[in-house]
Amino acid sequence: MDDWDPFKYPQMTPTVASLRRVKKDIASLLNDAPPGVLVHVDDGDITLLHAHIKGCSGTPYRGGYFYFVMKCPWDYPLQPPKVRLMTTGGGSVRFNPNFYESGKVCLSILGTWPGQCWIPTCSLESVLISIQSVMCEKPLCNEPGFNEEDSPDEVEEYNNCVKAQTLKVAVCGMLNNTSLNIPQPLVKQMEENFKKEFHFYEQLAIQYIEEGFDVIKVPLYKIVCRGESRQSLSRLRSIVKELRKKKL
């Protein structure tokens, strides 16, 4: 079932109470969003929110630009919003046990993961904070039944995979990406931030090359991560060159 997907959820006219609450939540976010979060209300649908979460320092997501789409159902806040992660490398990367390649975001607050469920006093900000909470220092530990003490090497290998894919997909793959139709205010913010922090990203790519992040095995998921850090370094330099020519 795709009832979690904001793009496949049936379009129904929101109630007056729902619109009132949506506007309240959006106003709160626009006035004081959580650190590292930018939001943009869809130009044609006030119940559709575009959110950009920048990966935090101290996590394997650091510096990545993660783009989410959130849709409030017709009876919000009686039901939670529908949320999709758009930063998946075209459905090729699973960035977290809670984030599927399909873009499905598995959180108890969304009703897509076991645990404490959504209640009407929750808000759009609550969802964004919950998303940030799973983008943590050791994301593999989010996997149910996984014990870090039994497999400490897997935690490190998974982190290395996420680091390399963040640079490849959530940085290089997000800049100049026209296929996702990212709202221009979010694109502009990404580009400005990237230009300011280019040397950080460049050094990160060099570090990943030196540490051998190009082929990383993750036994738990039976995958081989191809970080392609040399290609990422080349793309970073090409992107910044183009952006510096462009008047923002």
C-alpha atoms as a PDB file:
ATOM      1  CA  MET A   1       0.000   0.000   0.000  1.00  0.00           C
ATOM      2  CA  ASP A   2       1.137   3.509  -0.834  1.00  0.00           C
ATOM      3  CA  ASP A   3      -1.063   5.386   1.638  1.00  0.00           C
ATOM      4  CA  TRP A   4       2.134   6.886   3.100  1.00  0.00           C
ATOM      5  CA  ASP A   5       3.029   8.593  -0.204  1.00  0.00           C
ATOM      6  CA  PRO A   6       2.026  12.283  -0.498  1.00  0.00           C
ATOM      7  CA  PHE A   7       1.914  11.970  -4.289  1.00  0.00           C
ATOM      8  CA  LYS A   8      -0.457   8.989  -4.267  1.00  0.00           C
ATOM      9  CA  TYR A   9      -2.725  10.066  -1.440  1.00  0.00           C
ATOM     10  CA  PRO A  10      -6.293  10.831  -2.664  1.00  0.00           C
ATOM     11  CA  GLN A  11      -6.883  14.552  -3.129  1.00  0.00           C
ATOM     12  CA  MET A  12      -9.745  15.661  -0.882  1.00  0.00           C
ATOM     13  CA  THR A  13     -10.868  19.137   0.109  1.00  0.00           C
ATOM     14  CA  PRO A  14      -9.508  19.937   3.582  1.00  0.00           C
ATOM     15  CA  THR A  15     -11.911  20.987   6.307  1.00  0.00           C
ATOM     16  CA  VAL A  16     -11.945  24.545   7.592  1.00  0.00           C
ATOM     17  CA  ALA A  17     -10.484  23.345  10.896  1.00  0.00           C
ATOM     18  CA  SER A  18      -7.758  21.469   9.048  1.00  0.00           C
ATOM     19  CA  LEU A  19      -6.739  24.509   7.003  1.00  0.00           C
ATOM     20  CA  ARG A  20      -6.668  26.625  10.137  1.00  0.00           C
ATOM     21  CA  ARG A  21      -4.337  24.171  11.832  1.00  0.00           C
ATOM     22  CA  VAL A  22      -2.115  23.778   8.745  1.00  0.00           C
ATOM     23  CA  LYS A  23      -1.679  27.554   8.548  1.00  0.00           C
ATOM     24  CA  LYS A  24      -0.806  27.682  12.240  1.00  0.00           C
ATOM     25  CA  ASP A  25       1.835  24.950  11.914  1.00  0.00           C
ATOM     26  CA  ILE A  26       3.343  26.540   8.818  1.00  0.00           C
ATOM     27  CA  ALA A  27       3.491  29.979  10.424  1.00  0.00           C
ATOM     28  CA  SER A  28       5.339  28.482  13.379  1.00  0.00           C
ATOM     29  CA  LEU A  29       7.869  26.786  11.082  1.00  0.00           C
ATOM     30  CA  LEU A  30       8.435  29.860   8.955  1.00  0.00           C
ATOM     31  CA  ASN A  31       8.976  31.925  12.080  1.00  0.00           C
ATOM     32  CA  ASP A  32      11.197  29.482  13.972  1.00  0.00           C
ATOM     33  CA  ALA A  33      12.136  26.254  12.197  1.00  0.00           C
ATOM     34  CA  PRO A  34      14.355  23.666  13.926  1.00  0.00           C
ATOM     35  CA  PRO A  35      18.097  24.228  13.318  1.00  0.00           C
ATOM     36  CA  GLY A  36      19.173  22.870   9.946  1.00  0.00           C
ATOM     37  CA  VAL A  37      15.634  22.915   8.522  1.00  0.00           C
ATOM     38  CA  LEU A  38      14.261  25.103   5.731  1.00  0.00           C
ATOM     39  CA  VAL A  39      10.643  24.927   4.594  1.00  0.00           C
ATOM     40  CA  HIS A  40       8.708  26.217   1.613  1.00  0.00           C
ATOM     41  CA  VAL A  41       4.945  26.090   1.139  1.00  0.00           C
ATOM     42  CA  ASP A  42       3.925  24.800  -2.275  1.00  0.00           C
ATOM     43  CA  ASP A  43       2.841  27.642  -4.548  1.00  0.00           C
ATOM     44  CA  GLY A  44      -0.328  25.833  -5.582  1.00  0.00           C
ATOM     45  CA  ASP A  45      -1.293  23.904  -2.440  1.00  0.00           C
ATOM     46  CA  ILE A  46      -1.005  25.215   1.105  1.00  0.00           C
ATOM     47  CA  THR A  47      -1.322  21.672   2.474  1.00  0.00           C
ATOM     48  CA  LEU A  48       1.856  20.599   0.629  1.00  0.00           C
ATOM     49  CA  LEU A  49       5.141  21.476   2.300  1.00  0.00           C
ATOM     50  CA  HIS A  50       8.668  21.177   0.920  1.00  0.00           C
ATOM     51  CA  ALA A  51      11.367  20.721   3.558  1.00  0.00           C
ATOM     52  CA  HIS A  52      15.134  20.701   3.268  1.00  0.00           C
ATOM     53  CA  ILE A  53      17.060  19.146   6.155  1.00  0.00           C
ATOM     54  CA  LYS A  54      20.818  19.601   6.255  1.00  0.00           C
ATOM     55  CA  GLY A  55      22.721  16.706   7.800  1.00  0.00           C
ATOM     56  CA  CYS A  56      24.158  17.579  11.202  1.00  0.00           C
ATOM     57  CA  SER A  57      27.809  17.651  12.163  1.00  0.00           C
ATOM     58  CA  GLY A  58      28.845  14.541  14.078  1.00  0.00           C
ATOM     59  CA  THR A  59      26.670  12.274  11.935  1.00  0.00           C
ATOM     60  CA  PRO A  60      27.417  10.480   8.645  1.00  0.00           C
ATOM     61  CA  TYR A  61      24.829  12.802   7.063  1.00  0.00           C
ATOM     62  CA  ARG A  62      26.847  15.945   7.743  1.00  0.00           C
ATOM     63  CA  GLY A  63      26.563  18.542   5.031  1.00  0.00           C
ATOM     64  CA  GLY A  64      24.011  16.583   2.994  1.00  0.00           C
ATOM     65  CA  TYR A  65      20.923  18.253   1.544  1.00  0.00           C
ATOM     66  CA  PHE A  66      17.937  16.001   2.226  1.00  0.00           C
ATOM     67  CA  TYR A  67      14.702  17.021   0.555  1.00  0.00           C
ATOM     68  CA  PHE A  68      11.324  15.889   1.936  1.00  0.00           C
ATOM     69  CA  VAL A  69       7.769  16.488   0.738  1.00  0.00           C
ATOM     70  CA  MET A  70       4.974  16.581   3.336  1.00  0.00           C
ATOM     71  CA  LYS A  71       1.255  16.495   2.560  1.00  0.00           C
ATOM     72  CA  CYS A  72      -1.382  17.241   5.190  1.00  0.00           C
ATOM     73  CA  PRO A  73      -4.513  15.074   4.708  1.00  0.00           C
ATOM     74  CA  TRP A  74      -7.991  16.584   4.546  1.00  0.00           C
ATOM     75  CA  ASP A  75      -8.633  15.970   8.261  1.00  0.00           C
ATOM     76  CA  TYR A  76      -5.227  17.036   9.595  1.00  0.00           C
ATOM     77  CA  PRO A  77      -4.301  16.968  12.486  1.00  0.00           C
ATOM     78  CA  LEU A  78      -6.553  13.971  13.161  1.00  0.00           C
ATOM     79  CA  GLN A  79      -4.221  12.098  10.817  1.00  0.00           C
ATOM     80  CA  PRO A  80      -0.458  12.628  10.461  1.00  0.00           C
ATOM     81  CA  PRO A  81       1.005  14.135   7.298  1.00  0.00           C
ATOM     82  CA  LYS A  82       2.174  11.918   4.451  1.00  0.00           C
ATOM     83  CA  VAL A  83       5.940  12.224   4.031  1.00  0.00           C
ATOM     84  CA  ARG A  84       8.355  11.212   1.293  1.00  0.00           C
ATOM     85  CA  LEU A  85      12.133  11.535   1.117  1.00  0.00           C
ATOM     86  CA  MET A  86      13.040  12.706  -2.377  1.00  0.00           C
ATOM     87  CA  THR A  87      16.805  12.370  -1.929  1.00  0.00           C
ATOM     88  CA  THR A  88      17.220   8.721  -2.890  1.00  0.00           C
ATOM     89  CA  GLY A  89      19.404   8.816  -5.992  1.00  0.00           C
ATOM     90  CA  GLY A  90      16.419   7.912  -8.131  1.00  0.00           C
ATOM     91  CA  GLY A  91      15.364   5.118  -5.795  1.00  0.00           C
ATOM     92  CA  SER A  92      18.847   3.599  -5.536  1.00  0.00           C
ATOM     93  CA  VAL A  93      19.965   4.570  -2.027  1.00  0.00           C
ATOM     94  CA  ARG A  94      18.632   3.646   1.400  1.00  0.00           C
ATOM     95  CA  PHE A  95      20.097   6.275   3.691  1.00  0.00           C
ATOM     96  CA  ASN A  96      18.761   4.880   6.950  1.00  0.00           C
ATOM     97  CA  PRO A  97      16.883   1.857   8.341  1.00  0.00           C
ATOM     98  CA  ASN A  98      13.957   4.298   8.596  1.00  0.00           C
ATOM     99  CA  PHE A  99      14.305   5.668   5.040  1.00  0.00           C
ATOM    100  CA  TYR A 100      13.543   3.284   2.177  1.00  0.00           C
ATOM    101  CA  GLU A 101      14.783   3.565  -1.414  1.00  0.00           C
ATOM    102  CA  SER A 102      11.163   4.256  -2.396  1.00  0.00           C
ATOM    103  CA  GLY A 103      11.226   7.421  -0.295  1.00  0.00           C
ATOM    104  CA  LYS A 104       9.052   5.946   2.447  1.00  0.00           C
ATOM    105  CA  VAL A 105       9.854   7.469   5.838  1.00  0.00           C
ATOM    106  CA  CYS A 106       9.260   4.980   8.642  1.00  0.00           C
ATOM    107  CA  LEU A 107       8.471   6.740  11.915  1.00  0.00           C
ATOM    108  CA  SER A 108       6.005   5.870  14.648  1.00  0.00           C
ATOM    109  CA  ILE A 109       4.680   9.436  14.592  1.00  0.00           C
ATOM    110  CA  LEU A 110       3.664   8.854  10.956  1.00  0.00           C
ATOM    111  CA  GLY A 111       2.121   5.457  11.660  1.00  0.00           C
ATOM    112  CA  THR A 112       4.736   3.766   9.467  1.00  0.00           C
ATOM    113  CA  TRP A 113       6.917   2.320  12.282  1.00  0.00           C
ATOM    114  CA  PRO A 114       6.160   0.669  15.642  1.00  0.00           C
ATOM    115  CA  GLY A 115       6.042   2.917  18.685  1.00  0.00           C
ATOM    116  CA  GLN A 116       4.311   6.014  19.979  1.00  0.00           C
ATOM    117  CA  CYS A 117       1.673   7.079  17.474  1.00  0.00           C
ATOM    118  CA  TRP A 118       0.568  10.437  16.171  1.00  0.00           C
ATOM    119  CA  ILE A 119      -1.853  12.447  18.294  1.00  0.00           C
ATOM    120  CA  PRO A 120      -3.565  15.685  17.202  1.00  0.00           C
ATOM    121  CA  THR A 121      -1.321  17.809  19.429  1.00  0.00           C
ATOM    122  CA  CYS A 122       1.659  16.752  17.292  1.00  0.00           C
ATOM    123  CA  SER A 123       2.658  19.156  14.530  1.00  0.00           C
ATOM    124  CA  LEU A 124       4.643  19.449  11.315  1.00  0.00           C
ATOM    125  CA  GLU A 125       7.564  20.577  13.445  1.00  0.00           C
ATOM    126  CA  SER A 126       7.222  17.394  15.536  1.00  0.00           C
ATOM    127  CA  VAL A 127       7.617  15.335  12.365  1.00  0.00           C
ATOM    128  CA  LEU A 128      10.691  17.244  11.198  1.00  0.00           C
ATOM    129  CA  ILE A 129      12.333  16.865  14.603  1.00  0.00           C
ATOM    130  CA  SER A 130      11.558  13.135  14.557  1.00  0.00           C
ATOM    131  CA  ILE A 131      13.182  12.845  11.136  1.00  0.00           C
ATOM    132  CA  GLN A 132      16.274  14.645  12.399  1.00  0.00           C
ATOM    133  CA  SER A 133      16.425  12.330  15.411  1.00  0.00           C
ATOM    134  CA  VAL A 134      16.917   9.214  13.250  1.00  0.00           C
ATOM    135  CA  MET A 135      19.600  10.953  11.162  1.00  0.00           C
ATOM    136  CA  CYS A 136      21.912  10.250  14.059  1.00  0.00           C
ATOM    137  CA  GLU A 137      25.527   9.356  14.811  1.00  0.00           C
ATOM    138  CA  LYS A 138      24.975   5.602  14.377  1.00  0.00           C
ATOM    139  CA  PRO A 139      21.917   5.122  12.144  1.00  0.00           C
ATOM    140  CA  LEU A 140      22.330   1.346  11.826  1.00  0.00           C
ATOM    141  CA  CYS A 141      21.376   1.125  15.510  1.00  0.00           C
ATOM    142  CA  ASN A 142      17.866   2.218  14.450  1.00  0.00           C
ATOM    143  CA  GLU A 143      17.404  -1.234  12.904  1.00  0.00           C
ATOM    144  CA  PRO A 144      15.084  -3.345  15.115  1.00  0.00           C
ATOM    145  CA  GLY A 145      16.922  -6.239  16.731  1.00  0.00           C
ATOM    146  CA  PHE A 146      20.368  -4.963  15.788  1.00  0.00           C
ATOM    147  CA  ASN A 147      22.925  -5.068  18.615  1.00  0.00           C
ATOM    148  CA  GLU A 148      25.955  -2.833  18.193  1.00  0.00           C
ATOM    149  CA  GLU A 149      27.981  -4.889  20.672  1.00  0.00           C
ATOM    150  CA  ASP A 150      27.621  -7.943  18.430  1.00  0.00           C
ATOM    151  CA  SER A 151      28.600  -6.141  15.214  1.00  0.00           C
ATOM    152  CA  PRO A 152      30.622  -2.960  15.901  1.00  0.00           C
ATOM    153  CA  ASP A 153      32.380  -3.218  12.533  1.00  0.00           C
ATOM    154  CA  GLU A 154      29.048  -3.169  10.710  1.00  0.00           C
ATOM    155  CA  VAL A 155      28.138   0.114  12.397  1.00  0.00           C
ATOM    156  CA  GLU A 156      31.339   1.676  11.093  1.00  0.00           C
ATOM    157  CA  GLU A 157      30.964   0.196   7.608  1.00  0.00           C
ATOM    158  CA  TYR A 158      27.365   1.380   7.361  1.00  0.00           C
ATOM    159  CA  ASN A 159      28.413   4.847   8.502  1.00  0.00           C
ATOM    160  CA  ASN A 160      31.120   4.915   5.841  1.00  0.00           C
ATOM    161  CA  CYS A 161      28.557   3.920   3.232  1.00  0.00           C
ATOM    162  CA  VAL A 162      26.188   6.691   4.353  1.00  0.00           C
ATOM    163  CA  LYS A 163      29.017   9.237   4.342  1.00  0.00           C
ATOM    164  CA  ALA A 164      30.043   8.398   0.786  1.00  0.00           C
ATOM    165  CA  GLN A 165      26.454   8.282  -0.484  1.00  0.00           C
ATOM    166  CA  THR A 166      25.633  11.555   1.260  1.00  0.00           C
ATOM    167  CA  LEU A 167      28.411  13.285  -0.649  1.00  0.00           C
ATOM    168  CA  LYS A 168      27.543  11.543  -3.914  1.00  0.00           C
ATOM    169  CA  VAL A 169      23.731  11.734  -3.799  1.00  0.00           C
ATOM    170  CA  ALA A 170      22.728  14.302  -1.146  1.00  0.00           C
ATOM    171  CA  VAL A 171      25.297  16.912  -2.183  1.00  0.00           C
ATOM    172  CA  CYS A 172      26.427  16.372  -5.793  1.00  0.00           C
ATOM    173  CA  GLY A 173      23.140  14.766  -6.785  1.00  0.00           C
ATOM    174  CA  MET A 174      21.004  17.524  -5.290  1.00  0.00           C
ATOM    175  CA  LEU A 175      22.791  20.528  -6.757  1.00  0.00           C
ATOM    176  CA  ASN A 176      21.568  21.386 -10.264  1.00  0.00           C
ATOM    177  CA  ASN A 177      18.935  18.653  -9.975  1.00  0.00           C
ATOM    178  CA  THR A 178      16.001  19.526 -12.223  1.00  0.00           C
ATOM    179  CA  SER A 179      14.202  16.172 -12.078  1.00  0.00           C
ATOM    180  CA  LEU A 180      12.930  16.650  -8.512  1.00  0.00           C
ATOM    181  CA  ASN A 181      11.330  20.067  -9.147  1.00  0.00           C
ATOM    182  CA  ILE A 182      12.770  21.463  -5.930  1.00  0.00           C
ATOM    183  CA  PRO A 183      11.298  24.915  -5.190  1.00  0.00           C
ATOM    184  CA  GLN A 184      13.661  27.696  -6.206  1.00  0.00           C
ATOM    185  CA  PRO A 185      13.987  29.232  -2.701  1.00  0.00           C
ATOM    186  CA  LEU A 186      15.362  25.908  -1.448  1.00  0.00           C
ATOM    187  CA  VAL A 187      17.604  25.521  -4.506  1.00  0.00           C
ATOM    188  CA  LYS A 188      19.011  29.001  -3.992  1.00  0.00           C
ATOM    189  CA  GLN A 189      19.741  28.308  -0.340  1.00  0.00           C
ATOM    190  CA  MET A 190      21.506  25.036  -1.221  1.00  0.00           C
ATOM    191  CA  GLU A 191      23.631  26.728  -3.851  1.00  0.00           C
ATOM    192  CA  GLU A 192      24.601  29.633  -1.618  1.00  0.00           C
ATOM    193  CA  ASN A 193      25.481  27.283   1.222  1.00  0.00           C
ATOM    194  CA  PHE A 194      27.499  25.026  -1.075  1.00  0.00           C
ATOM    195  CA  LYS A 195      29.571  27.905  -2.413  1.00  0.00           C
ATOM    196  CA  LYS A 196      30.358  29.085   1.108  1.00  0.00           C
ATOM    197  CA  GLU A 197      31.297  25.597   2.286  1.00  0.00           C
ATOM    198  CA  PHE A 198      32.888  24.263  -0.893  1.00  0.00           C
ATOM    199  CA  HIS A 199      36.298  23.709   0.681  1.00  0.00           C
ATOM    200  CA  PHE A 200      34.690  21.633   3.431  1.00  0.00           C
ATOM    201  CA  TYR A 201      33.062  19.378   0.824  1.00  0.00           C
ATOM    202  CA  GLU A 202      36.255  19.193  -1.217  1.00  0.00           C
ATOM    203  CA  GLN A 203      38.283  18.094   1.807  1.00  0.00           C
ATOM    204  CA  LEU A 204      35.587  15.580   2.694  1.00  0.00           C
ATOM    205  CA  ALA A 205      35.868  13.973  -0.743  1.00  0.00           C
ATOM    206  CA  ILE A 206      39.657  13.854  -0.486  1.00  0.00           C
ATOM    207  CA  GLN A 207      39.362  12.260   2.965  1.00  0.00           C
ATOM    208  CA  TYR A 208      36.969   9.613   1.653  1.00  0.00           C
ATOM    209  CA  ILE A 209      39.330   8.794  -1.218  1.00  0.00           C
ATOM    210  CA  GLU A 210      42.219   8.392   1.215  1.00  0.00           C
ATOM    211  CA  GLU A 211      40.136   6.191   3.530  1.00  0.00           C
ATOM    212  CA  GLY A 212      39.039   3.920   0.678  1.00  0.00           C
ATOM    213  CA  PHE A 213      35.292   4.554   0.713  1.00  0.00           C
ATOM    214  CA  ASP A 214      34.814   3.510  -2.923  1.00  0.00           C
ATOM    215  CA  VAL A 215      33.658  -0.064  -2.227  1.00  0.00           C
ATOM    216  CA  ILE A 216      32.022  -0.748   1.140  1.00  0.00           C
ATOM    217  CA  LYS A 217      30.252  -3.977   2.094  1.00  0.00           C
ATOM    218  CA  VAL A 218      27.240  -3.860   4.432  1.00  0.00           C
ATOM    219  CA  PRO A 219      26.463  -7.519   5.316  1.00  0.00           C
ATOM    220  CA  LEU A 220      23.241  -6.782   7.231  1.00  0.00           C
ATOM    221  CA  TYR A 221      21.556  -5.460   4.093  1.00  0.00           C
ATOM    222  CA  LYS A 222      23.598  -7.648   1.722  1.00  0.00           C
ATOM    223  CA  ILE A 223      24.692  -4.630  -0.281  1.00  0.00           C
ATOM    224  CA  VAL A 224      27.926  -3.311  -1.686  1.00  0.00           C
ATOM    225  CA  CYS A 225      28.080   0.472  -1.496  1.00  0.00           C
ATOM    226  CA  ARG A 226      29.980   2.185  -4.290  1.00  0.00           C
ATOM    227  CA  GLY A 227      30.921   5.600  -2.978  1.00  0.00           C
ATOM    228  CA  GLU A 228      32.707   6.817  -6.119  1.00  0.00           C
ATOM    229  CA  SER A 229      34.488   9.501  -4.112  1.00  0.00           C
ATOM    230  CA  ARG A 230      36.850  10.418  -6.951  1.00  0.00           C
ATOM    231  CA  GLN A 231      33.879  11.093  -9.202  1.00  0.00           C
ATOM    232  CA  SER A 232      32.256  13.090  -6.391  1.00  0.00           C
ATOM    233  CA  LEU A 233      35.380  15.230  -6.047  1.00  0.00           C
ATOM    234  CA  SER A 234      35.366  15.957  -9.765  1.00  0.00           C
ATOM    235  CA  ARG A 235      31.646  16.782  -9.688  1.00  0.00           C
ATOM    236  CA  LEU A 236      32.051  19.082  -6.689  1.00  0.00           C
ATOM    237  CA  ARG A 237      34.711  21.101  -8.491  1.00  0.00           C
ATOM    238  CA  SER A 238      32.651  21.264 -11.658  1.00  0.00           C
ATOM    239  CA  ILE A 239      29.514  22.350  -9.786  1.00  0.00           C
ATOM    240  CA  VAL A 240      31.211  25.133  -7.848  1.00  0.00           C
ATOM    241  CA  LYS A 241      32.815  26.416 -11.048  1.00  0.00           C
ATOM    242  CA  GLU A 242      29.397  26.679 -12.700  1.00  0.00           C
ATOM    243  CA  LEU A 243      27.774  28.272  -9.655  1.00  0.00           C
ATOM    244  CA  ARG A 244      30.470  30.920  -9.401  1.00  0.00           C
ATOM    245  CA  LYS A 245      29.668  31.939 -12.963  1.00  0.00           C
ATOM    246  CA  LYS A 246      26.012  32.195 -12.137  1.00  0.00           C
ATOM    247  CA  LYS A 247      24.469  35.262 -10.549  1.00  0.00           C
ATOM    248  CA  LEU A 248      22.245  34.156  -7.693  1.00  0.00           C
END
